[in-house]
Each structure stands twice: as structure tokens, then as C-alpha cells.
Amino acid sequence: MPTAPSKALETFPNPNPDRDFTIQITCPEFTCLCPKTGQPDFATITITYVPDELCLELKSLKLYFWSFRDEGAFHEAVTNQILDELAAACRPRRMTVVGDFYVRGGLHTVVTAEYVKT
């Protein structure tokens, strides 16, 4: 069965919930659309997090990223949306999402959003 883009994020139990350890995931092929021009925007999205009880499942994360391909979003908005949705899915101890967007119109944008469990 072919896969399709999806906003459904899956998780699995953290194998070592009593220990702080860092997981870093990089998606060098993230795409969305500029909401002003409709032109594609390309970025490398890097997620760094310390899991609590749950970890992000990678295939669902890939399909989640794919779901942005045809959506218009400003760099700042999409980076923060990704952080909010990932943090809601796995409730980590802390998480950082960095959107490193390719040069567009001579400007290079890097957006960093952070979450800390309270």
C-alpha cells in the first residue's frame, strides 16, 4: 500500500525513561509554500529533544513533514507549529526545533523554537 502525507504523529514508549538522553532528527528535504507567492520554500528541519515517557516514531514523522508540501506557511509560523505539534504528541522534557530555510531573495532565515516541560 502506498504511503501518503499525514498529520498523524505516532509515538512509542521510551526504552530508558529514567535517564536523560538526547535524540536529534534532521529532515534535510522539508518543503512548504510561501503564503505570499505560492513558490516552494525549502528547509532543513532539525529536532533535538530529551524524551520523557514517549519517543517520536520516525515513519510517521516523515509523513508528517511531507504533509506541509502543499501548505502555505511563513518560516516563523511553520517552525513553531512543528514544535507545538511534536511536543503535544510526545510530551518531552525539552525540545528544540530549528528551521534552516534556504536562501530566498538573497535572505537566509533560521528560526529556532524551544519547549521546556513545566
PDB file of N, CA and C in Angstrom:
ATOM      1  N   MET A   1       0.841  -1.180   0.000  1.00  0.00           N
ATOM      2  CA  MET A   1       0.000   0.000   0.000  1.00  0.00           C
ATOM      3  C   MET A   1       0.887   1.245   0.000  1.00  0.00           C
ATOM      4  N   PRO A   2       0.652   2.186  -0.927  1.00  0.00           N
ATOM      5  CA  PRO A   2       1.472   3.395  -0.951  1.00  0.00           C
ATOM      6  C   PRO A   2       1.191   4.282   0.258  1.00  0.00           C
ATOM      7  N   THR A   3       2.209   5.030   0.645  1.00  0.00           N
ATOM      8  CA  THR A   3       2.044   5.950   1.763  1.00  0.00           C
ATOM      9  C   THR A   3       1.572   7.302   1.255  1.00  0.00           C
ATOM     10  N   ALA A   4       1.014   8.071   2.142  1.00  0.00           N
ATOM     11  CA  ALA A   4       0.509   9.399   1.802  1.00  0.00           C
ATOM     12  C   ALA A   4       0.844  10.355   2.934  1.00  0.00           C
ATOM     13  N   PRO A   5       0.890  11.648   2.650  1.00  0.00           N
ATOM     14  CA  PRO A   5       1.145  12.622   3.712  1.00  0.00           C
ATOM     15  C   PRO A   5       0.099  12.492   4.820  1.00  0.00           C
ATOM     16  N   SER A   6       0.519  12.758   6.057  1.00  0.00           N
ATOM     17  CA  SER A   6      -0.400  12.625   7.192  1.00  0.00           C
ATOM     18  C   SER A   6       0.048  13.522   8.335  1.00  0.00           C
ATOM     19  N   LYS A   7      -0.911  14.104   9.031  1.00  0.00           N
ATOM     20  CA  LYS A   7      -0.602  14.887  10.230  1.00  0.00           C
ATOM     21  C   LYS A   7      -0.578  14.018  11.484  1.00  0.00           C
ATOM     22  N   ALA A   8      -0.901  12.724  11.340  1.00  0.00           N
ATOM     23  CA  ALA A   8      -0.944  11.819  12.496  1.00  0.00           C
ATOM     24  C   ALA A   8       0.480  11.477  12.936  1.00  0.00           C
ATOM     25  N   LEU A   9       0.821  11.860  14.143  1.00  0.00           N
ATOM     26  CA  LEU A   9       2.135  11.555  14.698  1.00  0.00           C
ATOM     27  C   LEU A   9       2.019  10.360  15.637  1.00  0.00           C
ATOM     28  N   GLU A  10       2.876   9.379  15.440  1.00  0.00           N
ATOM     29  CA  GLU A  10       2.880   8.201  16.298  1.00  0.00           C
ATOM     30  C   GLU A  10       4.069   8.262  17.241  1.00  0.00           C
ATOM     31  N   THR A  11       3.928   7.584  18.359  1.00  0.00           N
ATOM     32  CA  THR A  11       4.983   7.528  19.365  1.00  0.00           C
ATOM     33  C   THR A  11       5.166   6.077  19.807  1.00  0.00           C
ATOM     34  N   PHE A  12       6.214   5.847  20.574  1.00  0.00           N
ATOM     35  CA  PHE A  12       6.432   4.541  21.203  1.00  0.00           C
ATOM     36  C   PHE A  12       7.043   4.792  22.581  1.00  0.00           C
ATOM     37  N   PRO A  13       6.929   3.826  23.490  1.00  0.00           N
ATOM     38  CA  PRO A  13       7.449   4.023  24.847  1.00  0.00           C
ATOM     39  C   PRO A  13       8.970   4.234  24.856  1.00  0.00           C
ATOM     40  N   ASN A  14       9.396   5.195  25.634  1.00  0.00           N
ATOM     41  CA  ASN A  14      10.817   5.454  25.823  1.00  0.00           C
ATOM     42  C   ASN A  14      11.452   4.227  26.475  1.00  0.00           C
ATOM     43  N   PRO A  15      12.488   3.635  25.869  1.00  0.00           N
ATOM     44  CA  PRO A  15      13.104   2.446  26.459  1.00  0.00           C
ATOM     45  C   PRO A  15      13.899   2.733  27.737  1.00  0.00           C
ATOM     46  N   ASN A  16      14.248   4.010  27.984  1.00  0.00           N
ATOM     47  CA  ASN A  16      15.009   4.384  29.181  1.00  0.00           C
ATOM     48  C   ASN A  16      14.449   5.667  29.797  1.00  0.00           C
ATOM     49  N   PRO A  17      13.214   5.633  30.306  1.00  0.00           N
ATOM     50  CA  PRO A  17      12.585   6.858  30.804  1.00  0.00           C
ATOM     51  C   PRO A  17      13.232   7.437  32.065  1.00  0.00           C
ATOM     52  N   ASP A  18      14.082   6.663  32.739  1.00  0.00           N
ATOM     53  CA  ASP A  18      14.722   7.157  33.960  1.00  0.00           C
ATOM     54  C   ASP A  18      16.013   7.917  33.682  1.00  0.00           C
ATOM     55  N   ARG A  19      16.409   7.992  32.413  1.00  0.00           N
ATOM     56  CA  ARG A  19      17.667   8.635  32.051  1.00  0.00           C
ATOM     57  C   ARG A  19      17.403   9.771  31.066  1.00  0.00           C
ATOM     58  N   ASP A  20      18.072  10.897  31.264  1.00  0.00           N
ATOM     59  CA  ASP A  20      18.049  11.952  30.250  1.00  0.00           C
ATOM     60  C   ASP A  20      19.008  11.566  29.133  1.00  0.00           C
ATOM     61  N   PHE A  21      18.521  11.544  27.920  1.00  0.00           N
ATOM     62  CA  PHE A  21      19.363  11.375  26.740  1.00  0.00           C
ATOM     63  C   PHE A  21      18.752  12.195  25.622  1.00  0.00           C
ATOM     64  N   THR A  22      19.573  12.550  24.675  1.00  0.00           N
ATOM     65  CA  THR A  22      19.149  13.448  23.603  1.00  0.00           C
ATOM     66  C   THR A  22      18.962  12.689  22.308  1.00  0.00           C
ATOM     67  N   ILE A  23      17.863  12.997  21.632  1.00  0.00           N
ATOM     68  CA  ILE A  23      17.589  12.455  20.302  1.00  0.00           C
ATOM     69  C   ILE A  23      17.619  13.639  19.342  1.00  0.00           C
ATOM     70  N   GLN A  24      18.353  13.490  18.252  1.00  0.00           N
ATOM     71  CA  GLN A  24      18.377  14.528  17.220  1.00  0.00           C
ATOM     72  C   GLN A  24      17.946  13.909  15.896  1.00  0.00           C
ATOM     73  N   ILE A  25      16.995  14.557  15.250  1.00  0.00           N
ATOM     74  CA  ILE A  25      16.455  14.101  13.973  1.00  0.00           C
ATOM     75  C   ILE A  25      16.566  15.263  12.994  1.00  0.00           C
ATOM     76  N   THR A  26      17.101  14.986  11.815  1.00  0.00           N
ATOM     77  CA  THR A  26      17.255  16.020  10.802  1.00  0.00           C
ATOM     78  C   THR A  26      16.495  15.623   9.545  1.00  0.00           C
ATOM     79  N   CYS A  27      15.713  16.561   9.040  1.00  0.00           N
ATOM     80  CA  CYS A  27      14.986  16.386   7.783  1.00  0.00           C
ATOM     81  C   CYS A  27      15.533  17.419   6.801  1.00  0.00           C
ATOM     82  N   PRO A  28      16.474  17.017   5.913  1.00  0.00           N
ATOM     83  CA  PRO A  28      17.091  17.981   5.009  1.00  0.00           C
ATOM     84  C   PRO A  28      16.256  18.297   3.765  1.00  0.00           C
ATOM     85  N   GLU A  29      15.066  17.707   3.656  1.00  0.00           N
ATOM     86  CA  GLU A  29      14.254  17.891   2.452  1.00  0.00           C
ATOM     87  C   GLU A  29      12.857  18.426   2.756  1.00  0.00           C
ATOM     88  N   PHE A  30      12.729  19.260   3.787  1.00  0.00           N
ATOM     89  CA  PHE A  30      11.429  19.831   4.141  1.00  0.00           C
ATOM     90  C   PHE A  30      11.015  20.861   3.103  1.00  0.00           C
ATOM     91  N   THR A  31       9.748  20.830   2.711  1.00  0.00           N
ATOM     92  CA  THR A  31       9.220  21.842   1.793  1.00  0.00           C
ATOM     93  C   THR A  31       7.848  22.301   2.249  1.00  0.00           C
ATOM     94  N   CYS A  32       7.583  23.560   2.012  1.00  0.00           N
ATOM     95  CA  CYS A  32       6.259  24.155   2.184  1.00  0.00           C
ATOM     96  C   CYS A  32       6.151  25.241   1.125  1.00  0.00           C
ATOM     97  N   LEU A  33       5.063  25.967   1.125  1.00  0.00           N
ATOM     98  CA  LEU A  33       4.877  27.025   0.133  1.00  0.00           C
ATOM     99  C   LEU A  33       4.904  28.391   0.791  1.00  0.00           C
ATOM    100  N   CYS A  34       5.459  29.361   0.091  1.00  0.00           N
ATOM    101  CA  CYS A  34       5.406  30.745   0.561  1.00  0.00           C
ATOM    102  C   CYS A  34       3.952  31.202   0.463  1.00  0.00           C
ATOM    103  N   PRO A  35       3.372  31.692   1.564  1.00  0.00           N
ATOM    104  CA  PRO A  35       1.969  32.110   1.521  1.00  0.00           C
ATOM    105  C   PRO A  35       1.738  33.373   0.678  1.00  0.00           C
ATOM    106  N   LYS A  36       2.795  34.111   0.380  1.00  0.00           N
ATOM    107  CA  LYS A  36       2.664  35.335  -0.423  1.00  0.00           C
ATOM    108  C   LYS A  36       2.733  35.042  -1.923  1.00  0.00           C
ATOM    109  N   THR A  37       3.679  34.164  -2.313  1.00  0.00           N
ATOM    110  CA  THR A  37       3.934  33.955  -3.739  1.00  0.00           C
ATOM    111  C   THR A  37       3.485  32.592  -4.255  1.00  0.00           C
ATOM    112  N   GLY A  38       3.282  31.634  -3.341  1.00  0.00           N
ATOM    113  CA  GLY A  38       2.967  30.272  -3.762  1.00  0.00           C
ATOM    114  C   GLY A  38       4.186  29.492  -4.214  1.00  0.00           C
ATOM    115  N   GLN A  39       5.364  30.115  -4.151  1.00  0.00           N
ATOM    116  CA  GLN A  39       6.610  29.448  -4.536  1.00  0.00           C
ATOM    117  C   GLN A  39       7.027  28.473  -3.436  1.00  0.00           C
ATOM    118  N   PRO A  40       7.710  27.393  -3.800  1.00  0.00           N
ATOM    119  CA  PRO A  40       8.164  26.455  -2.772  1.00  0.00           C
ATOM    120  C   PRO A  40       9.282  27.038  -1.917  1.00  0.00           C
ATOM    121  N   ASP A  41       9.230  26.757  -0.633  1.00  0.00           N
ATOM    122  CA  ASP A  41      10.307  27.075   0.297  1.00  0.00           C
ATOM    123  C   ASP A  41      10.923  25.755   0.737  1.00  0.00           C
ATOM    124  N   PHE A  42      12.238  25.709   0.790  1.00  0.00           N
ATOM    125  CA  PHE A  42      12.959  24.506   1.170  1.00  0.00           C
ATOM    126  C   PHE A  42      13.714  24.778   2.464  1.00  0.00           C
ATOM    127  N   ALA A  43      13.806  23.758   3.316  1.00  0.00           N
ATOM    128  CA  ALA A  43      14.494  23.939   4.592  1.00  0.00           C
ATOM    129  C   ALA A  43      15.056  22.617   5.088  1.00  0.00           C
ATOM    130  N   THR A  44      16.008  22.753   5.983  1.00  0.00           N
ATOM    131  CA  THR A  44      16.437  21.630   6.803  1.00  0.00           C
ATOM    132  C   THR A  44      15.812  21.864   8.169  1.00  0.00           C
ATOM    133  N   ILE A  45      15.014  20.894   8.624  1.00  0.00           N
ATOM    134  CA  ILE A  45      14.398  20.965   9.950  1.00  0.00           C
ATOM    135  C   ILE A  45      15.177  20.031  10.868  1.00  0.00           C
ATOM    136  N   THR A  46      15.644  20.554  11.983  1.00  0.00           N
ATOM    137  CA  THR A  46      16.363  19.743  12.962  1.00  0.00           C
ATOM    138  C   THR A  46      15.599  19.769  14.275  1.00  0.00           C
ATOM    139  N   ILE A  47      15.296  18.577  14.767  1.00  0.00           N
ATOM    140  CA  ILE A  47      14.593  18.400  16.043  1.00  0.00           C
ATOM    141  C   ILE A  47      15.595  17.821  17.027  1.00  0.00           C
ATOM    142  N   THR A  48      15.719  18.443  18.175  1.00  0.00           N
ATOM    143  CA  THR A  48      16.554  17.908  19.245  1.00  0.00           C
ATOM    144  C   THR A  48      15.677  17.852  20.483  1.00  0.00           C
ATOM    145  N   TYR A  49      15.564  16.650  21.082  1.00  0.00           N
ATOM    146  CA  TYR A  49      14.707  16.554  22.261  1.00  0.00           C
ATOM    147  C   TYR A  49      15.202  15.524  23.260  1.00  0.00           C
ATOM    148  N   VAL A  50      14.801  15.743  24.499  1.00  0.00           N
ATOM    149  CA  VAL A  50      15.018  14.788  25.583  1.00  0.00           C
ATOM    150  C   VAL A  50      13.653  14.187  25.873  1.00  0.00           C
ATOM    151  N   PRO A  51      13.463  12.903  25.558  1.00  0.00           N
ATOM    152  CA  PRO A  51      12.140  12.311  25.758  1.00  0.00           C
ATOM    153  C   PRO A  51      11.823  12.109  27.233  1.00  0.00           C
ATOM    154  N   ASP A  52      10.540  12.050  27.510  1.00  0.00           N
ATOM    155  CA  ASP A  52      10.085  11.681  28.846  1.00  0.00           C
ATOM    156  C   ASP A  52       9.585  10.246  28.763  1.00  0.00           C
ATOM    157  N   GLU A  53       8.304  10.040  28.642  1.00  0.00           N
ATOM    158  CA  GLU A  53       7.749   8.686  28.567  1.00  0.00           C
ATOM    159  C   GLU A  53       7.630   8.163  27.137  1.00  0.00           C
ATOM    160  N   LEU A  54       7.622   9.082  26.148  1.00  0.00           N
ATOM    161  CA  LEU A  54       7.381   8.684  24.759  1.00  0.00           C
ATOM    162  C   LEU A  54       8.459   9.219  23.823  1.00  0.00           C
ATOM    163  N   CYS A  55       8.704   8.475  22.737  1.00  0.00           N
ATOM    164  CA  CYS A  55       9.599   8.899  21.666  1.00  0.00           C
ATOM    165  C   CYS A  55       8.798   9.014  20.370  1.00  0.00           C
ATOM    166  N   LEU A  56       9.263   9.859  19.465  1.00  0.00           N
ATOM    167  CA  LEU A  56       8.604  10.014  18.175  1.00  0.00           C
ATOM    168  C   LEU A  56       8.960   8.851  17.255  1.00  0.00           C
ATOM    169  N   GLU A  57       7.959   8.344  16.560  1.00  0.00           N
ATOM    170  CA  GLU A  57       8.167   7.262  15.594  1.00  0.00           C
ATOM    171  C   GLU A  57       8.537   7.909  14.260  1.00  0.00           C
ATOM    172  N   LEU A  58       9.618   7.430  13.636  1.00  0.00           N
ATOM    173  CA  LEU A  58      10.200   8.136  12.502  1.00  0.00           C
ATOM    174  C   LEU A  58       9.375   8.091  11.217  1.00  0.00           C
ATOM    175  N   LYS A  59       8.737   6.975  10.890  1.00  0.00           N
ATOM    176  CA  LYS A  59       7.958   6.943   9.648  1.00  0.00           C
ATOM    177  C   LYS A  59       6.803   7.937   9.711  1.00  0.00           C
ATOM    178  N   SER A  60       6.116   7.992  10.840  1.00  0.00           N
ATOM    179  CA  SER A  60       5.014   8.950  10.958  1.00  0.00           C
ATOM    180  C   SER A  60       5.541  10.385  10.893  1.00  0.00           C
ATOM    181  N   LEU A  61       6.755  10.612  11.419  1.00  0.00           N
ATOM    182  CA  LEU A  61       7.362  11.936  11.350  1.00  0.00           C
ATOM    183  C   LEU A  61       7.659  12.312   9.897  1.00  0.00           C
ATOM    184  N   LYS A  62       8.150  11.359   9.126  1.00  0.00           N
ATOM    185  CA  LYS A  62       8.418  11.608   7.705  1.00  0.00           C
ATOM    186  C   LYS A  62       7.135  11.982   6.967  1.00  0.00           C
ATOM    187  N   LEU A  63       6.047  11.259   7.231  1.00  0.00           N
ATOM    188  CA  LEU A  63       4.769  11.544   6.580  1.00  0.00           C
ATOM    189  C   LEU A  63       4.192  12.876   7.063  1.00  0.00           C
ATOM    190  N   TYR A  64       4.442  13.199   8.327  1.00  0.00           N
ATOM    191  CA  TYR A  64       4.025  14.487   8.886  1.00  0.00           C
ATOM    192  C   TYR A  64       4.732  15.631   8.147  1.00  0.00           C
ATOM    193  N   PHE A  65       6.053  15.536   7.992  1.00  0.00           N
ATOM    194  CA  PHE A  65       6.787  16.567   7.266  1.00  0.00           C
ATOM    195  C   PHE A  65       6.288  16.690   5.830  1.00  0.00           C
ATOM    196  N   TRP A  66       6.012  15.573   5.208  1.00  0.00           N
ATOM    197  CA  TRP A  66       5.529  15.542   3.831  1.00  0.00           C
ATOM    198  C   TRP A  66       4.204  16.302   3.704  1.00  0.00           C
ATOM    199  N   SER A  67       3.400  16.296   4.761  1.00  0.00           N
ATOM    200  CA  SER A  67       2.075  16.929   4.711  1.00  0.00           C
ATOM    201  C   SER A  67       2.147  18.448   4.533  1.00  0.00           C
ATOM    202  N   PHE A  68       3.302  19.053   4.760  1.00  0.00           N
ATOM    203  CA  PHE A  68       3.449  20.501   4.611  1.00  0.00           C
ATOM    204  C   PHE A  68       3.738  20.920   3.174  1.00  0.00           C
ATOM    205  N   ARG A  69       4.022  19.967   2.315  1.00  0.00           N
ATOM    206  CA  ARG A  69       4.491  20.260   0.957  1.00  0.00           C
ATOM    207  C   ARG A  69       3.586  21.221   0.195  1.00  0.00           C
ATOM    208  N   ASP A  70       2.282  21.104   0.346  1.00  0.00           N
ATOM    209  CA  ASP A  70       1.341  21.939  -0.402  1.00  0.00           C
ATOM    210  C   ASP A  70       0.653  22.990   0.465  1.00  0.00           C
ATOM    211  N   GLU A  71       1.213  23.273   1.638  1.00  0.00           N
ATOM    212  CA  GLU A  71       0.624  24.255   2.544  1.00  0.00           C
ATOM    213  C   GLU A  71       1.438  25.538   2.548  1.00  0.00           C
ATOM    214  N   GLY A  72       0.752  26.658   2.556  1.00  0.00           N
ATOM    215  CA  GLY A  72       1.421  27.944   2.671  1.00  0.00           C
ATOM    216  C   GLY A  72       1.707  28.259   4.125  1.00  0.00           C
ATOM    217  N   ALA A  73       2.947  28.665   4.414  1.00  0.00           N
ATOM    218  CA  ALA A  73       3.303  28.982   5.799  1.00  0.00           C
ATOM    219  C   ALA A  73       4.533  29.869   5.833  1.00  0.00           C
ATOM    220  N   PHE A  74       4.486  30.891   6.675  1.00  0.00           N
ATOM    221  CA  PHE A  74       5.679  31.681   6.919  1.00  0.00           C
ATOM    222  C   PHE A  74       6.669  30.833   7.716  1.00  0.00           C
ATOM    223  N   HIS A  75       7.953  31.100   7.543  1.00  0.00           N
ATOM    224  CA  HIS A  75       9.003  30.318   8.208  1.00  0.00           C
ATOM    225  C   HIS A  75       8.802  30.266   9.720  1.00  0.00           C
ATOM    226  N   GLU A  76       8.511  31.426  10.302  1.00  0.00           N
ATOM    227  CA  GLU A  76       8.347  31.500  11.757  1.00  0.00           C
ATOM    228  C   GLU A  76       7.146  30.678  12.218  1.00  0.00           C
ATOM    229  N   ALA A  77       6.065  30.760  11.467  1.00  0.00           N
ATOM    230  CA  ALA A  77       4.845  30.047  11.839  1.00  0.00           C
ATOM    231  C   ALA A  77       5.014  28.542  11.728  1.00  0.00           C
ATOM    232  N   VAL A  78       5.600  28.073  10.637  1.00  0.00           N
ATOM    233  CA  VAL A  78       5.705  26.629  10.440  1.00  0.00           C
ATOM    234  C   VAL A  78       6.680  26.005  11.438  1.00  0.00           C
ATOM    235  N   THR A  79       7.756  26.700  11.766  1.00  0.00           N
ATOM    236  CA  THR A  79       8.704  26.173  12.758  1.00  0.00           C
ATOM    237  C   THR A  79       8.026  26.033  14.117  1.00  0.00           C
ATOM    238  N   ASN A  80       7.277  27.049  14.521  1.00  0.00           N
ATOM    239  CA  ASN A  80       6.565  26.986  15.799  1.00  0.00           C
ATOM    240  C   ASN A  80       5.431  25.972  15.778  1.00  0.00           C
ATOM    241  N   GLN A  81       4.749  25.814  14.654  1.00  0.00           N
ATOM    242  CA  GLN A  81       3.699  24.802  14.537  1.00  0.00           C
ATOM    243  C   GLN A  81       4.285  23.409  14.708  1.00  0.00           C
ATOM    244  N   ILE A  82       5.415  23.155  14.063  1.00  0.00           N
ATOM    245  CA  ILE A  82       6.065  21.852  14.193  1.00  0.00           C
ATOM    246  C   ILE A  82       6.414  21.589  15.656  1.00  0.00           C
ATOM    247  N   LEU A  83       7.015  22.568  16.326  1.00  0.00           N
ATOM    248  CA  LEU A  83       7.353  22.404  17.742  1.00  0.00           C
ATOM    249  C   LEU A  83       6.102  22.103  18.562  1.00  0.00           C
ATOM    250  N   ASP A  84       5.047  22.880  18.389  1.00  0.00           N
ATOM    251  CA  ASP A  84       3.827  22.685  19.173  1.00  0.00           C
ATOM    252  C   ASP A  84       3.243  21.290  18.961  1.00  0.00           C
ATOM    253  N   GLU A  85       3.181  20.847  17.713  1.00  0.00           N
ATOM    254  CA  GLU A  85       2.555  19.556  17.423  1.00  0.00           C
ATOM    255  C   GLU A  85       3.419  18.382  17.861  1.00  0.00           C
ATOM    256  N   LEU A  86       4.734  18.493  17.708  1.00  0.00           N
ATOM    257  CA  LEU A  86       5.612  17.414  18.166  1.00  0.00           C
ATOM    258  C   LEU A  86       5.621  17.320  19.688  1.00  0.00           C
ATOM    259  N   ALA A  87       5.689  18.473  20.350  1.00  0.00           N
ATOM    260  CA  ALA A  87       5.682  18.480  21.816  1.00  0.00           C
ATOM    261  C   ALA A  87       4.360  17.929  22.355  1.00  0.00           C
ATOM    262  N   ALA A  88       3.252  18.246  21.705  1.00  0.00           N
ATOM    263  CA  ALA A  88       1.950  17.712  22.134  1.00  0.00           C
ATOM    264  C   ALA A  88       1.886  16.197  21.948  1.00  0.00           C
ATOM    265  N   ALA A  89       2.522  15.698  20.899  1.00  0.00           N
ATOM    266  CA  ALA A  89       2.467  14.259  20.610  1.00  0.00           C
ATOM    267  C   ALA A  89       3.289  13.431  21.591  1.00  0.00           C
ATOM    268  N   CYS A  90       4.493  13.894  21.935  1.00  0.00           N
ATOM    269  CA  CYS A  90       5.372  13.043  22.766  1.00  0.00           C
ATOM    270  C   CYS A  90       5.659  13.606  24.150  1.00  0.00           C
ATOM    271  N   ARG A  91       5.229  14.826  24.434  1.00  0.00           N
ATOM    272  CA  ARG A  91       5.403  15.443  25.755  1.00  0.00           C
ATOM    273  C   ARG A  91       6.836  15.260  26.297  1.00  0.00           C
ATOM    274  N   PRO A  92       7.838  15.782  25.579  1.00  0.00           N
ATOM    275  CA  PRO A  92       9.226  15.592  26.002  1.00  0.00           C
ATOM    276  C   PRO A  92       9.584  16.443  27.213  1.00  0.00           C
ATOM    277  N   ARG A  93      10.730  16.173  27.792  1.00  0.00           N
ATOM    278  CA  ARG A  93      11.242  17.007  28.879  1.00  0.00           C
ATOM    279  C   ARG A  93      11.654  18.372  28.327  1.00  0.00           C
ATOM    280  N   ARG A  94      12.258  18.354  27.157  1.00  0.00           N
ATOM    281  CA  ARG A  94      12.565  19.590  26.442  1.00  0.00           C
ATOM    282  C   ARG A  94      12.756  19.259  24.965  1.00  0.00           C
ATOM    283  N   MET A  95      12.543  20.287  24.142  1.00  0.00           N
ATOM    284  CA  MET A  95      12.638  20.090  22.693  1.00  0.00           C
ATOM    285  C   MET A  95      12.999  21.418  22.039  1.00  0.00           C
ATOM    286  N   THR A  96      13.830  21.332  21.008  1.00  0.00           N
ATOM    287  CA  THR A  96      14.162  22.476  20.174  1.00  0.00           C
ATOM    288  C   THR A  96      13.927  22.073  18.725  1.00  0.00           C
ATOM    289  N   VAL A  97      13.291  22.953  17.966  1.00  0.00           N
ATOM    290  CA  VAL A  97      13.111  22.759  16.534  1.00  0.00           C
ATOM    291  C   VAL A  97      13.767  23.941  15.829  1.00  0.00           C
ATOM    292  N   VAL A  98      14.651  23.619  14.894  1.00  0.00           N
ATOM    293  CA  VAL A  98      15.329  24.641  14.107  1.00  0.00           C
ATOM    294  C   VAL A  98      14.906  24.478  12.651  1.00  0.00           C
ATOM    295  N   GLY A  99      14.376  25.553  12.083  1.00  0.00           N
ATOM    296  CA  GLY A  99      14.069  25.594  10.659  1.00  0.00           C
ATOM    297  C   GLY A  99      15.126  26.433   9.967  1.00  0.00           C
ATOM    298  N   ASP A 100      15.991  25.775   9.195  1.00  0.00           N
ATOM    299  CA  ASP A 100      17.066  26.453   8.470  1.00  0.00           C
ATOM    300  C   ASP A 100      16.635  26.521   7.006  1.00  0.00           C
ATOM    301  N   PHE A 101      16.037  27.646   6.624  1.00  0.00           N
ATOM    302  CA  PHE A 101      15.439  27.810   5.299  1.00  0.00           C
ATOM    303  C   PHE A 101      16.476  28.273   4.287  1.00  0.00           C
ATOM    304  N   TYR A 102      16.385  27.726   3.098  1.00  0.00           N
ATOM    305  CA  TYR A 102      17.322  28.048   2.033  1.00  0.00           C
ATOM    306  C   TYR A 102      17.187  29.522   1.656  1.00  0.00           C
ATOM    307  N   VAL A 103      18.243  30.058   1.091  1.00  0.00           N
ATOM    308  CA  VAL A 103      18.261  31.454   0.677  1.00  0.00           C
ATOM    309  C   VAL A 103      17.138  31.721  -0.316  1.00  0.00           C
ATOM    310  N   ARG A 104      16.411  32.805  -0.057  1.00  0.00           N
ATOM    311  CA  ARG A 104      15.305  33.225  -0.935  1.00  0.00           C
ATOM    312  C   ARG A 104      15.377  34.731  -1.051  1.00  0.00           C
ATOM    313  N   GLY A 105      15.510  35.244  -2.259  1.00  0.00           N
ATOM    314  CA  GLY A 105      15.609  36.689  -2.461  1.00  0.00           C
ATOM    315  C   GLY A 105      16.829  37.293  -1.792  1.00  0.00           C
ATOM    316  N   GLY A 106      17.897  36.507  -1.680  1.00  0.00           N
ATOM    317  CA  GLY A 106      19.132  36.991  -1.065  1.00  0.00           C
ATOM    318  C   GLY A 106      19.139  36.945   0.449  1.00  0.00           C
ATOM    319  N   LEU A 107      18.071  36.378   1.064  1.00  0.00           N
ATOM    320  CA  LEU A 107      17.988  36.316   2.527  1.00  0.00           C
ATOM    321  C   LEU A 107      17.957  34.868   3.003  1.00  0.00           C
ATOM    322  N   HIS A 108      18.722  34.609   4.048  1.00  0.00           N
ATOM    323  CA  HIS A 108      18.775  33.283   4.665  1.00  0.00           C
ATOM    324  C   HIS A 108      18.123  33.379   6.036  1.00  0.00           C
ATOM    325  N   THR A 109      17.122  32.539   6.289  1.00  0.00           N
ATOM    326  CA  THR A 109      16.376  32.596   7.541  1.00  0.00           C
ATOM    327  C   THR A 109      16.590  31.318   8.341  1.00  0.00           C
ATOM    328  N   VAL A 110      16.897  31.472   9.628  1.00  0.00           N
ATOM    329  CA  VAL A 110      16.978  30.350  10.565  1.00  0.00           C
ATOM    330  C   VAL A 110      16.063  30.696  11.733  1.00  0.00           C
ATOM    331  N   VAL A 111      15.080  29.823  12.003  1.00  0.00           N
ATOM    332  CA  VAL A 111      14.129  30.037  13.087  1.00  0.00           C
ATOM    333  C   VAL A 111      14.338  28.919  14.115  1.00  0.00           C
ATOM    334  N   THR A 112      14.503  29.309  15.379  1.00  0.00           N
ATOM    335  CA  THR A 112      14.672  28.341  16.472  1.00  0.00           C
ATOM    336  C   THR A 112      13.542  28.519  17.466  1.00  0.00           C
ATOM    337  N   ALA A 113      12.840  27.421  17.745  1.00  0.00           N
ATOM    338  CA  ALA A 113      11.738  27.440  18.725  1.00  0.00           C
ATOM    339  C   ALA A 113      12.027  26.390  19.789  1.00  0.00           C
ATOM    340  N   GLU A 114      11.761  26.746  21.050  1.00  0.00           N
ATOM    341  CA  GLU A 114      12.100  25.852  22.163  1.00  0.00           C
ATOM    342  C   GLU A 114      10.903  25.590  23.068  1.00  0.00           C
ATOM    343  N   TYR A 115      10.894  24.379  23.613  1.00  0.00           N
ATOM    344  CA  TYR A 115       9.864  23.948  24.553  1.00  0.00           C
ATOM    345  C   TYR A 115      10.554  23.332  25.758  1.00  0.00           C
ATOM    346  N   VAL A 116      10.095  23.664  26.956  1.00  0.00           N
ATOM    347  CA  VAL A 116      10.566  23.046  28.189  1.00  0.00           C
ATOM    348  C   VAL A 116       9.342  22.639  28.990  1.00  0.00           C
ATOM    349  N   LYS A 117       9.290  21.367  29.374  1.00  0.00           N
ATOM    350  CA  LYS A 117       8.160  20.871  30.157  1.00  0.00           C
ATOM    351  C   LYS A 117       8.151  21.555  31.522  1.00  0.00           C
ATOM    352  N   THR A 118       6.969  21.967  31.935  1.00  0.00           N
ATOM    353  CA  THR A 118       6.873  22.619  33.252  1.00  0.00           C
ATOM    354  C   THR A 118       6.204  21.728  34.255  1.00  0.00           C
TER     355      THR A 118
END
